[in-house]
Amino acid sequence: MENSAPLGHRDIRRIIIGIMLAMFLGALDQTIVATAIPTIGRDLGDVSALSWVITAYLLASTAVTPLYGKLSDSHGRRMMMRIAIVIFVAGSLGCALAPDIFVLVLMRGVQGLGGGGLISLSQTIIADVVAPRERARYQAYIAGMYSVASFGGPVLGGVLSEHLHWSMIFWINLPMGLAALVMTDRVLRRLPRHDRRHRIDLPGAVLMVLAAVSLLLALTWGGVTFPWASAPMLGLLGASGLFWCAFAWRIATADQPFLPVSILLNPVVRNAIAAAFFTMGSMIGLCMFIPIYLEVMRGHAAGSSGLMLIAFMGTVPIGAMIAGRAMAKLRHYKLPSLIGLPVSALMIAILAIWPADVSDEVILALMAVAGIGIGCVLPVTTVSIQNAVPMGEMGTATGAMNFFRSLGSALLVAGFSALFFAGLGDALPLVPVELLAGHLGGRGAELAPVFSHVFAAAAFCLVCGCGFMLNMEERPLRASVESRPAE
């Protein structure tokens, strides 16, 4: 069933504002908890399971992201957005009232089950109401929202947990979630409907979730909880490989597979997902290791290194805005990303070559330029994917993109961490990456080669992303949301 009634500018603006709030809920909850972790551990009297407060959300949200996309194509965006917000708010309430660490971790998993749909559904809804040629401008706003959540979340989490109570970082989700629900529910009734009623491939969905969860568990525990060559790690990696093989067999043989082969074989989708995989993974990896580099190599305190990171994360939306405007005006709309990614790789390569010799001012300049270049890729990949698939598969394609971007982030962070720990040798006990700086005091000079290897790996991954972006076909952007994708 399709609703062909045109949406006015006021309706579109209300939808955009409402879903931006929904997206902010999901993005903020990935960052606001980190700075409150020590306070939570002291208050609940258990520090052994604290890492699971973050990991439970990551596992749940990543695993269900493609499921929301598929279900929204079958049953409509409004219904799935309502479900995602309600689950997220219910999980937030459970977290705020959690009496112990076990309940908190469990409720964080529930939160993730809702949060996994907020971002991908919001991007899909934008695609339902805004033509591809204009859509990248809104993707730039999304990148800006991500940046605010990235460096505003830790600050807000620290302030709330220190001056009020750690549960406030979850209580604030209730009014924001209610506002998002009220703002979107009525106008989402008027969304054009492109859904197709068909049976959901439950075996395929289960296999994909199992494959993703086992891989993410291995990436989370590897080199921290267990050595990479240990039996638990080999078992998880082996199980993940088997589940991925079974999932590949399922989508190749099922009548209505959970993730249609036509989407995966679409050359635009395939190359755009690969470009986003390497670019987003490099960005998240750099966000993890740049503060460690600044503290260990440059002698900065944790607070100042966090502020300096804004030079990197704060310029990502600038690049996204540049690319978004270019997509609306240029025929060869990939040009900003094809310039930005090599320049970003060059900036990071400079850090790899001279990690101990560049000044703080040069580091800030390098990070700022690198952030702009990376930002140029984000709207291009999202809009290109949505422009290349039929409207009835928009949610599935968008969910798949977000899933593989999250998976890429986990994989590359794990890869950078393994490279870093290999350079350290056996002198350091297994600790989470976030705690490395506190264990490396006074060893800055001798660690220059280790940081060089990490930055060189990030630069190489950015070059890989550029290669896939170069190979991606530039199909003419549709001028309306109703027209079919160009072949």
Protein backbone atom coordinates (compact mmCIF):
# COMPACT_ATOMS: atom_id res chain seq x y z
CA MET A 1 0.00 0.00 0.00
CA GLU A 2 1.35 3.46 -0.87
CA ASN A 3 0.25 6.82 0.40
CA SER A 4 0.80 9.25 -2.47
CA ALA A 5 -0.36 12.38 -0.66
CA PRO A 6 2.49 14.88 -0.92
CA LEU A 7 4.18 16.05 2.25
CA GLY A 8 4.50 19.78 2.79
CA HIS A 9 7.68 21.50 3.88
CA ARG A 10 6.33 21.88 7.43
CA ASP A 11 5.60 18.14 7.68
CA ILE A 12 9.04 17.24 6.35
CA ARG A 13 10.69 19.63 8.78
CA ARG A 14 8.75 18.14 11.71
CA ILE A 15 9.71 14.63 10.63
CA ILE A 16 13.37 15.58 10.29
CA ILE A 17 13.43 17.26 13.72
CA GLY A 18 11.67 14.34 15.35
CA ILE A 19 13.90 11.67 13.88
CA MET A 20 17.01 13.74 14.59
CA LEU A 21 15.99 13.58 18.24
CA ALA A 22 15.49 9.83 17.92
CA MET A 23 18.92 9.47 16.31
CA PHE A 24 20.49 11.61 19.01
CA LEU A 25 19.10 9.23 21.63
CA GLY A 26 20.90 6.32 20.01
CA ALA A 27 24.15 8.18 19.33
CA LEU A 28 24.35 9.82 22.77
CA ASP A 29 23.86 6.56 24.61
CA GLN A 30 26.97 5.14 22.97
CA THR A 31 29.15 7.88 24.48
CA ILE A 32 27.52 9.25 27.63
CA VAL A 33 28.05 6.07 29.66
CA ALA A 34 31.85 5.90 29.31
CA THR A 35 32.73 8.67 31.77
CA ALA A 36 30.20 7.42 34.33
CA ILE A 37 31.66 3.88 34.44
CA PRO A 38 33.97 4.46 37.46
CA THR A 39 31.13 6.03 39.47
CA ILE A 40 28.79 3.15 38.55
CA GLY A 41 31.41 0.62 39.68
CA ARG A 42 31.89 2.33 43.04
CA ASP A 43 28.17 2.72 43.67
CA LEU A 44 27.22 -0.84 42.73
CA GLY A 45 30.31 -2.34 44.33
CA ASP A 46 31.37 -4.42 41.33
CA VAL A 47 34.11 -3.46 38.87
CA SER A 48 34.74 -6.89 37.36
CA ALA A 49 31.79 -6.68 34.94
CA LEU A 50 31.86 -2.95 34.19
CA SER A 51 33.07 -3.40 30.61
CA TRP A 52 29.81 -5.24 29.90
CA VAL A 53 27.84 -2.05 30.58
CA ILE A 54 29.17 -0.80 27.24
CA THR A 55 29.61 -4.13 25.49
CA ALA A 56 26.02 -5.30 26.07
CA TYR A 57 24.66 -2.24 24.28
CA LEU A 58 27.15 -2.59 21.41
CA LEU A 59 26.38 -6.26 20.85
CA ALA A 60 22.60 -5.86 20.93
CA SER A 61 22.41 -2.69 18.82
CA THR A 62 24.76 -3.95 16.11
CA ALA A 63 23.10 -7.36 15.83
CA VAL A 64 19.52 -6.07 15.38
CA THR A 65 20.24 -3.13 13.04
CA PRO A 66 19.59 -5.06 9.80
CA LEU A 67 16.52 -6.67 11.35
CA TYR A 68 14.87 -3.27 11.84
CA GLY A 69 15.60 -2.38 8.23
CA LYS A 70 14.02 -5.55 6.91
CA LEU A 71 10.97 -5.29 9.18
CA SER A 72 10.42 -1.64 8.25
CA ASP A 73 10.27 -2.64 4.58
CA SER A 74 7.64 -5.25 5.48
CA HIS A 75 5.57 -3.45 8.12
CA GLY A 76 6.26 0.27 7.74
CA ARG A 77 8.68 2.77 9.29
CA ARG A 78 6.20 4.25 11.79
CA MET A 79 5.47 0.97 13.52
CA MET A 80 9.13 -0.02 13.76
CA MET A 81 10.19 3.45 14.97
CA ARG A 82 7.56 3.31 17.71
CA ILE A 83 8.79 -0.14 18.74
CA ALA A 84 12.44 0.99 18.75
CA ILE A 85 11.73 4.07 20.88
CA VAL A 86 9.53 2.16 23.34
CA ILE A 87 12.13 -0.60 23.78
CA PHE A 88 14.90 1.97 24.18
CA VAL A 89 12.96 3.96 26.79
CA ALA A 90 11.98 0.77 28.66
CA GLY A 91 15.64 -0.27 28.73
CA SER A 92 16.64 3.18 29.97
CA LEU A 93 14.11 2.97 32.79
CA GLY A 94 15.44 -0.46 33.75
CA CYS A 95 19.02 0.89 33.75
CA ALA A 96 18.08 3.84 35.96
CA LEU A 97 16.42 1.54 38.51
CA ALA A 98 19.04 -1.25 38.33
CA PRO A 99 19.94 -2.43 41.87
CA ASP A 100 23.10 -4.28 40.81
CA ILE A 101 25.52 -4.68 37.93
CA PHE A 102 23.84 -7.81 36.56
CA VAL A 103 20.49 -6.05 36.09
CA LEU A 104 22.24 -2.98 34.66
CA VAL A 105 24.05 -5.07 32.02
CA LEU A 106 20.82 -6.89 31.16
CA MET A 107 18.91 -3.62 30.75
CA ARG A 108 21.73 -2.15 28.67
CA GLY A 109 21.19 -5.06 26.31
CA VAL A 110 17.48 -4.18 26.16
CA GLN A 111 18.45 -0.58 25.45
CA GLY A 112 20.61 -1.76 22.59
CA LEU A 113 17.72 -3.73 21.11
CA GLY A 114 15.90 -0.42 20.73
CA GLY A 115 18.90 1.76 19.97
CA GLY A 116 19.90 -0.44 17.04
CA GLY A 117 16.82 0.72 15.16
CA LEU A 118 16.88 4.42 15.97
CA ILE A 119 19.71 5.42 13.66
CA SER A 120 19.07 3.20 10.63
CA LEU A 121 15.31 3.82 10.71
CA SER A 122 15.88 7.56 10.89
CA GLN A 123 18.15 7.47 7.85
CA THR A 124 15.56 5.39 6.00
CA ILE A 125 12.76 7.80 6.88
CA ILE A 126 14.80 10.69 5.51
CA ALA A 127 15.09 8.67 2.29
CA ASP A 128 11.29 8.28 2.22
CA VAL A 129 10.59 12.01 2.30
CA VAL A 130 13.62 13.71 0.71
CA ALA A 131 14.83 13.14 -2.86
CA PRO A 132 18.37 11.74 -3.22
CA ARG A 133 19.66 14.93 -4.82
CA GLU A 134 18.68 16.90 -1.70
CA ARG A 135 19.16 14.11 0.83
CA ALA A 136 22.89 14.56 1.41
CA ARG A 137 22.24 17.96 2.99
CA TYR A 138 20.29 16.22 5.73
CA GLN A 139 23.01 13.59 6.06
CA ALA A 140 25.33 16.49 6.91
CA TYR A 141 23.04 17.45 9.79
CA ILE A 142 23.19 13.85 10.94
CA ALA A 143 27.00 13.96 10.91
CA GLY A 144 26.85 17.12 13.01
CA MET A 145 24.53 15.40 15.47
CA TYR A 146 26.99 12.53 15.73
CA SER A 147 29.83 14.93 16.49
CA VAL A 148 27.82 16.65 19.24
CA ALA A 149 27.07 13.26 20.75
CA SER A 150 30.70 12.16 20.41
CA PHE A 151 32.28 14.96 22.41
CA GLY A 152 29.23 16.19 24.32
CA GLY A 153 28.21 12.78 25.63
CA PRO A 154 31.32 12.14 27.73
CA VAL A 155 31.16 15.65 29.20
CA LEU A 156 27.46 15.33 30.06
CA GLY A 157 27.98 11.85 31.49
CA GLY A 158 30.79 13.06 33.73
CA VAL A 159 28.84 16.07 34.99
CA LEU A 160 25.64 14.12 35.73
CA SER A 161 27.41 11.25 37.49
CA GLU A 162 29.66 13.53 39.52
CA HIS A 163 27.21 16.24 40.59
CA LEU A 164 23.87 14.38 40.58
CA HIS A 165 23.74 10.58 40.24
CA TRP A 166 24.85 8.16 37.53
CA SER A 167 21.26 7.04 36.98
CA MET A 168 20.51 10.50 35.53
CA ILE A 169 22.31 9.52 32.32
CA PHE A 170 19.44 7.06 31.81
CA TRP A 171 16.59 9.11 33.29
CA ILE A 172 17.13 11.87 30.70
CA ASN A 173 16.26 9.37 27.96
CA LEU A 174 12.67 9.19 29.18
CA PRO A 175 11.57 12.76 28.37
CA MET A 176 13.67 12.82 25.19
CA GLY A 177 12.23 9.49 24.07
CA LEU A 178 8.68 10.63 24.81
CA ALA A 179 9.30 13.84 22.86
CA ALA A 180 10.67 11.89 19.90
CA LEU A 181 7.66 9.56 19.99
CA VAL A 182 5.13 12.40 20.11
CA MET A 183 6.90 14.48 17.45
CA THR A 184 7.17 11.66 14.94
CA ASP A 185 4.13 9.47 15.49
CA ARG A 186 1.47 11.70 13.97
CA VAL A 187 3.45 12.91 10.95
CA LEU A 188 4.86 9.43 10.28
CA ARG A 189 1.29 8.34 9.54
CA ARG A 190 1.64 10.32 6.31
CA LEU A 191 4.85 8.67 5.19
CA PRO A 192 4.67 7.14 1.70
CA ARG A 193 4.29 3.38 2.10
CA HIS A 194 6.56 1.15 0.02
CA ASP A 195 6.39 -1.91 2.22
CA ARG A 196 5.74 -5.37 0.84
CA ARG A 197 3.98 -7.94 2.99
CA HIS A 198 5.98 -11.15 2.97
CA ARG A 199 7.29 -13.75 5.34
CA ILE A 200 10.34 -12.78 7.40
CA ASP A 201 13.27 -15.18 7.00
CA LEU A 202 13.68 -16.05 10.69
CA PRO A 203 16.42 -18.69 10.16
CA GLY A 204 18.44 -16.18 8.16
CA ALA A 205 17.95 -13.49 10.80
CA VAL A 206 18.98 -15.85 13.61
CA LEU A 207 22.09 -17.00 11.73
CA MET A 208 23.17 -13.41 11.06
CA VAL A 209 22.66 -12.40 14.69
CA LEU A 210 24.60 -15.42 15.96
CA ALA A 211 27.43 -14.80 13.50
CA ALA A 212 27.64 -11.12 14.44
CA VAL A 213 27.42 -11.66 18.20
CA SER A 214 30.08 -14.39 18.27
CA LEU A 215 32.43 -12.24 16.16
CA LEU A 216 31.83 -9.15 18.29
CA LEU A 217 32.41 -11.15 21.48
CA ALA A 218 35.72 -12.35 20.08
CA LEU A 219 36.71 -8.81 19.13
CA THR A 220 35.68 -7.50 22.56
CA TRP A 221 37.47 -10.17 24.58
CA GLY A 222 40.48 -10.78 22.36
CA GLY A 223 43.73 -9.41 23.81
CA VAL A 224 41.91 -8.10 26.90
CA THR A 225 40.01 -10.89 28.66
CA PHE A 226 41.68 -13.76 26.81
CA PRO A 227 44.82 -14.00 24.64
CA TRP A 228 44.03 -14.14 20.93
CA ALA A 229 45.43 -17.67 20.58
CA SER A 230 43.46 -19.05 23.54
CA ALA A 231 40.79 -21.74 23.22
CA PRO A 232 37.83 -19.36 23.93
CA MET A 233 38.97 -16.96 21.20
CA LEU A 234 39.56 -19.70 18.65
CA GLY A 235 36.20 -21.22 19.54
CA LEU A 236 34.33 -17.93 19.10
CA LEU A 237 36.07 -17.13 15.81
CA GLY A 238 35.43 -20.65 14.54
CA ALA A 239 31.77 -20.48 15.54
CA SER A 240 31.42 -17.09 13.85
CA GLY A 241 32.94 -18.47 10.66
CA LEU A 242 30.51 -21.40 10.65
CA PHE A 243 27.52 -19.13 11.27
CA TRP A 244 28.59 -16.77 8.47
CA CYS A 245 28.95 -19.71 6.08
CA ALA A 246 25.50 -20.97 7.07
CA PHE A 247 24.08 -17.47 6.62
CA ALA A 248 25.64 -17.21 3.14
CA TRP A 249 24.10 -20.57 2.21
CA ARG A 250 20.73 -19.42 3.55
CA ILE A 251 20.56 -16.17 1.57
CA ALA A 252 21.66 -18.04 -1.57
CA THR A 253 18.94 -20.69 -1.30
CA ALA A 254 15.96 -19.10 0.51
CA ASP A 255 12.98 -17.89 -1.52
CA GLN A 256 12.79 -14.63 0.42
CA PRO A 257 16.17 -14.28 2.18
CA PHE A 258 16.70 -12.00 5.15
CA LEU A 259 19.31 -10.04 3.18
CA PRO A 260 18.56 -10.35 -0.56
CA VAL A 261 21.47 -11.32 -2.77
CA SER A 262 20.43 -8.60 -5.22
CA ILE A 263 21.34 -5.97 -2.63
CA LEU A 264 24.72 -7.50 -1.83
CA LEU A 265 25.56 -7.93 -5.53
CA ASN A 266 24.50 -4.40 -6.45
CA PRO A 267 27.84 -2.80 -7.46
CA VAL A 268 26.95 0.58 -5.94
CA VAL A 269 25.83 -0.95 -2.63
CA ARG A 270 28.81 -3.30 -2.49
CA ASN A 271 31.44 -0.62 -3.06
CA ALA A 272 29.72 2.01 -0.90
CA ILE A 273 29.44 -0.40 2.04
CA ALA A 274 33.12 -1.33 1.69
CA ALA A 275 34.13 2.34 1.55
CA ALA A 276 32.04 3.11 4.65
CA PHE A 277 33.43 0.00 6.37
CA PHE A 278 37.04 1.19 6.07
CA THR A 279 36.35 4.89 6.58
CA MET A 280 34.14 4.57 9.65
CA GLY A 281 36.37 1.90 11.14
CA SER A 282 39.44 4.11 10.70
CA MET A 283 37.64 7.07 12.25
CA ILE A 284 36.55 5.13 15.34
CA GLY A 285 40.00 3.56 15.68
CA LEU A 286 41.66 6.96 15.52
CA CYS A 287 39.23 8.28 18.13
CA MET A 288 40.41 5.48 20.42
CA PHE A 289 44.16 5.87 19.87
CA ILE A 290 44.67 9.62 19.33
CA PRO A 291 43.92 10.42 23.03
CA ILE A 292 46.32 7.64 24.11
CA TYR A 293 48.93 9.05 21.75
CA LEU A 294 48.44 12.58 23.09
CA GLU A 295 48.70 11.44 26.71
CA VAL A 296 51.63 9.05 26.32
CA MET A 297 53.69 10.73 23.60
CA ARG A 298 52.79 14.37 24.18
CA GLY A 299 52.29 14.36 27.95
CA HIS A 300 48.76 15.78 27.93
CA ALA A 301 46.26 15.12 30.68
CA ALA A 302 43.14 13.13 29.86
CA GLY A 303 41.00 16.27 29.83
CA SER A 304 43.19 18.22 27.43
CA SER A 305 43.61 15.24 25.11
CA GLY A 306 39.84 14.95 24.97
CA LEU A 307 39.54 18.62 24.06
CA MET A 308 42.19 18.26 21.36
CA LEU A 309 40.22 15.35 19.89
CA ILE A 310 37.48 17.87 19.06
CA ALA A 311 39.78 19.11 16.27
CA PHE A 312 39.23 15.71 14.66
CA MET A 313 35.62 14.85 15.49
CA GLY A 314 34.39 18.43 15.30
CA THR A 315 35.49 18.80 11.67
CA VAL A 316 33.82 15.61 10.43
CA PRO A 317 30.44 17.38 9.99
CA ILE A 318 32.19 20.16 8.06
CA GLY A 319 33.35 17.60 5.52
CA ALA A 320 29.88 16.05 5.47
CA MET A 321 28.30 19.44 4.76
CA ILE A 322 30.77 20.08 1.94
CA ALA A 323 29.98 16.72 0.35
CA GLY A 324 26.25 17.16 0.94
CA ARG A 325 26.13 20.46 -0.89
CA ALA A 326 28.31 19.06 -3.65
CA MET A 327 25.93 16.14 -4.22
CA ALA A 328 23.10 18.59 -4.80
CA LYS A 329 25.06 20.58 -7.39
CA LEU A 330 27.80 18.49 -8.99
CA ARG A 331 27.31 15.82 -11.62
CA HIS A 332 30.42 14.01 -10.36
CA TYR A 333 29.34 14.13 -6.74
CA LYS A 334 32.06 11.71 -5.57
CA LEU A 335 34.73 14.35 -6.18
CA PRO A 336 34.88 15.79 -2.61
CA SER A 337 35.28 12.31 -1.12
CA LEU A 338 37.89 11.32 -3.71
CA ILE A 339 39.88 14.38 -2.71
CA GLY A 340 39.14 14.20 1.01
CA LEU A 341 40.08 10.56 1.65
CA PRO A 342 43.59 10.69 0.12
CA VAL A 343 44.26 13.96 1.95
CA SER A 344 43.07 12.37 5.21
CA ALA A 345 45.33 9.38 4.60
CA LEU A 346 48.26 11.75 3.99
CA MET A 347 47.59 13.63 7.24
CA ILE A 348 47.56 10.41 9.26
CA ALA A 349 50.63 9.16 7.37
CA ILE A 350 52.52 12.27 8.54
CA LEU A 351 51.75 11.26 12.13
CA ALA A 352 52.93 7.75 11.32
CA ILE A 353 56.28 9.02 9.96
CA TRP A 354 57.00 11.62 12.65
CA PRO A 355 54.99 10.66 15.75
CA ALA A 356 57.45 12.22 18.21
CA ASP A 357 58.63 15.21 16.17
CA VAL A 358 55.53 17.19 15.20
CA SER A 359 54.30 20.02 17.43
CA ASP A 360 50.89 20.18 19.10
CA GLU A 361 49.82 22.87 16.64
CA VAL A 362 50.71 20.65 13.69
CA ILE A 363 48.86 17.71 15.28
CA LEU A 364 45.73 19.82 15.63
CA ALA A 365 45.98 20.92 12.00
CA LEU A 366 46.53 17.36 10.79
CA MET A 367 43.56 16.07 12.77
CA ALA A 368 41.30 18.88 11.56
CA VAL A 369 42.09 18.28 7.89
CA ALA A 370 41.78 14.51 8.33
CA GLY A 371 38.35 14.95 9.95
CA ILE A 372 37.10 17.06 7.04
CA GLY A 373 38.28 14.48 4.52
CA ILE A 374 36.64 11.59 6.36
CA GLY A 375 33.40 13.54 6.72
CA CYS A 376 33.19 13.91 2.94
CA VAL A 377 32.59 10.16 2.62
CA LEU A 378 29.67 9.70 5.01
CA PRO A 379 26.79 11.33 3.06
CA VAL A 380 28.06 10.05 -0.29
CA THR A 381 27.98 6.40 0.75
CA THR A 382 24.58 6.63 2.45
CA VAL A 383 22.81 8.50 -0.33
CA SER A 384 24.44 6.45 -3.11
CA ILE A 385 23.20 3.21 -1.53
CA GLN A 386 19.68 4.56 -1.06
CA ASN A 387 19.67 5.91 -4.63
CA ALA A 388 20.62 2.51 -6.06
CA VAL A 389 17.88 0.31 -4.56
CA PRO A 390 14.09 0.22 -5.04
CA MET A 391 12.00 1.99 -2.41
CA GLY A 392 10.69 -1.37 -1.17
CA GLU A 393 14.26 -2.38 -0.18
CA MET A 394 15.36 0.98 1.23
CA GLY A 395 15.17 -0.09 4.86
CA THR A 396 16.97 -3.36 4.23
CA ALA A 397 19.82 -1.64 2.37
CA THR A 398 20.17 1.13 4.94
CA GLY A 399 20.14 -1.38 7.80
CA ALA A 400 22.80 -3.47 6.06
CA MET A 401 24.99 -0.39 5.59
CA ASN A 402 24.77 0.57 9.26
CA PHE A 403 25.42 -3.03 10.31
CA PHE A 404 28.59 -3.34 8.27
CA ARG A 405 29.77 0.11 9.34
CA SER A 406 29.45 -0.94 12.99
CA LEU A 407 31.11 -4.26 12.24
CA GLY A 408 33.92 -2.44 10.44
CA SER A 409 34.45 -0.19 13.45
CA ALA A 410 34.72 -3.20 15.76
CA LEU A 411 37.03 -5.08 13.40
CA LEU A 412 39.43 -2.22 12.74
CA VAL A 413 39.57 -1.15 16.39
CA ALA A 414 40.41 -4.75 17.28
CA GLY A 415 43.01 -4.84 14.51
CA PHE A 416 44.64 -1.59 15.63
CA SER A 417 44.61 -2.83 19.23
CA ALA A 418 46.22 -6.13 18.27
CA LEU A 419 48.92 -4.24 16.35
CA PHE A 420 49.50 -1.96 19.32
CA PHE A 421 49.73 -4.79 21.87
CA ALA A 422 52.05 -6.72 19.56
CA GLY A 423 54.39 -3.73 19.55
CA LEU A 424 54.30 -3.53 23.34
CA GLY A 425 55.35 -7.15 23.75
CA ASP A 426 54.69 -9.01 26.99
CA ALA A 427 55.64 -6.17 29.33
CA LEU A 428 52.04 -4.95 29.73
CA PRO A 429 49.15 -6.92 31.24
CA LEU A 430 46.00 -7.36 29.20
CA VAL A 431 43.89 -4.23 29.74
CA PRO A 432 41.12 -2.50 27.77
CA VAL A 433 42.31 0.03 25.20
CA GLU A 434 40.65 2.86 27.14
CA LEU A 435 42.91 2.15 30.14
CA LEU A 436 46.19 1.91 28.23
CA ALA A 437 47.34 5.47 28.93
CA GLY A 438 47.35 4.88 32.68
CA HIS A 439 49.65 1.87 32.27
CA LEU A 440 52.15 3.49 29.89
CA GLY A 441 53.36 6.47 31.92
CA GLY A 442 57.01 7.33 31.28
CA ARG A 443 57.33 5.09 28.22
CA GLY A 444 56.46 7.69 25.56
CA ALA A 445 59.80 7.86 23.75
CA GLU A 446 60.15 4.10 23.29
CA LEU A 447 56.58 3.76 22.00
CA ALA A 448 57.01 6.00 18.95
CA PRO A 449 57.37 2.99 16.58
CA VAL A 450 54.25 1.39 18.03
CA PHE A 451 52.14 4.48 17.37
CA SER A 452 53.71 4.72 13.90
CA HIS A 453 52.40 1.26 13.08
CA VAL A 454 48.89 2.09 14.27
CA PHE A 455 48.73 5.36 12.33
CA ALA A 456 50.19 3.69 9.23
CA ALA A 457 47.48 1.01 9.45
CA ALA A 458 44.79 3.72 9.72
CA ALA A 459 46.21 5.57 6.70
CA PHE A 460 46.25 2.32 4.72
CA CYS A 461 42.60 1.63 5.62
CA LEU A 462 41.65 5.12 4.44
CA VAL A 463 43.40 4.42 1.14
CA CYS A 464 41.41 1.19 0.87
CA GLY A 465 38.21 3.15 1.45
CA CYS A 466 39.25 5.57 -1.29
CA GLY A 467 39.81 2.65 -3.66
CA PHE A 468 36.29 1.34 -3.14
CA MET A 469 34.88 4.85 -3.47
CA LEU A 470 36.75 5.28 -6.76
CA ASN A 471 35.31 1.99 -8.00
CA MET A 472 31.73 2.95 -7.05
CA GLU A 473 29.56 3.92 -9.99
CA GLU A 474 28.08 7.42 -9.98
CA ARG A 475 24.45 6.90 -10.89
CA PRO A 476 22.36 10.03 -11.50
CA LEU A 477 20.62 11.03 -8.29
CA ARG A 478 16.85 10.74 -8.43
CA ALA A 479 15.02 14.06 -8.38
CA SER A 480 12.06 12.70 -6.43
CA VAL A 481 11.40 10.01 -3.85
CA GLU A 482 8.95 8.19 -6.14
CA SER A 483 11.18 7.62 -9.17
CA ARG A 484 12.95 4.29 -9.57
CA PRO A 485 16.69 3.90 -9.18
CA ALA A 486 18.82 4.39 -12.23
CA GLU A 487 20.23 1.25 -13.76
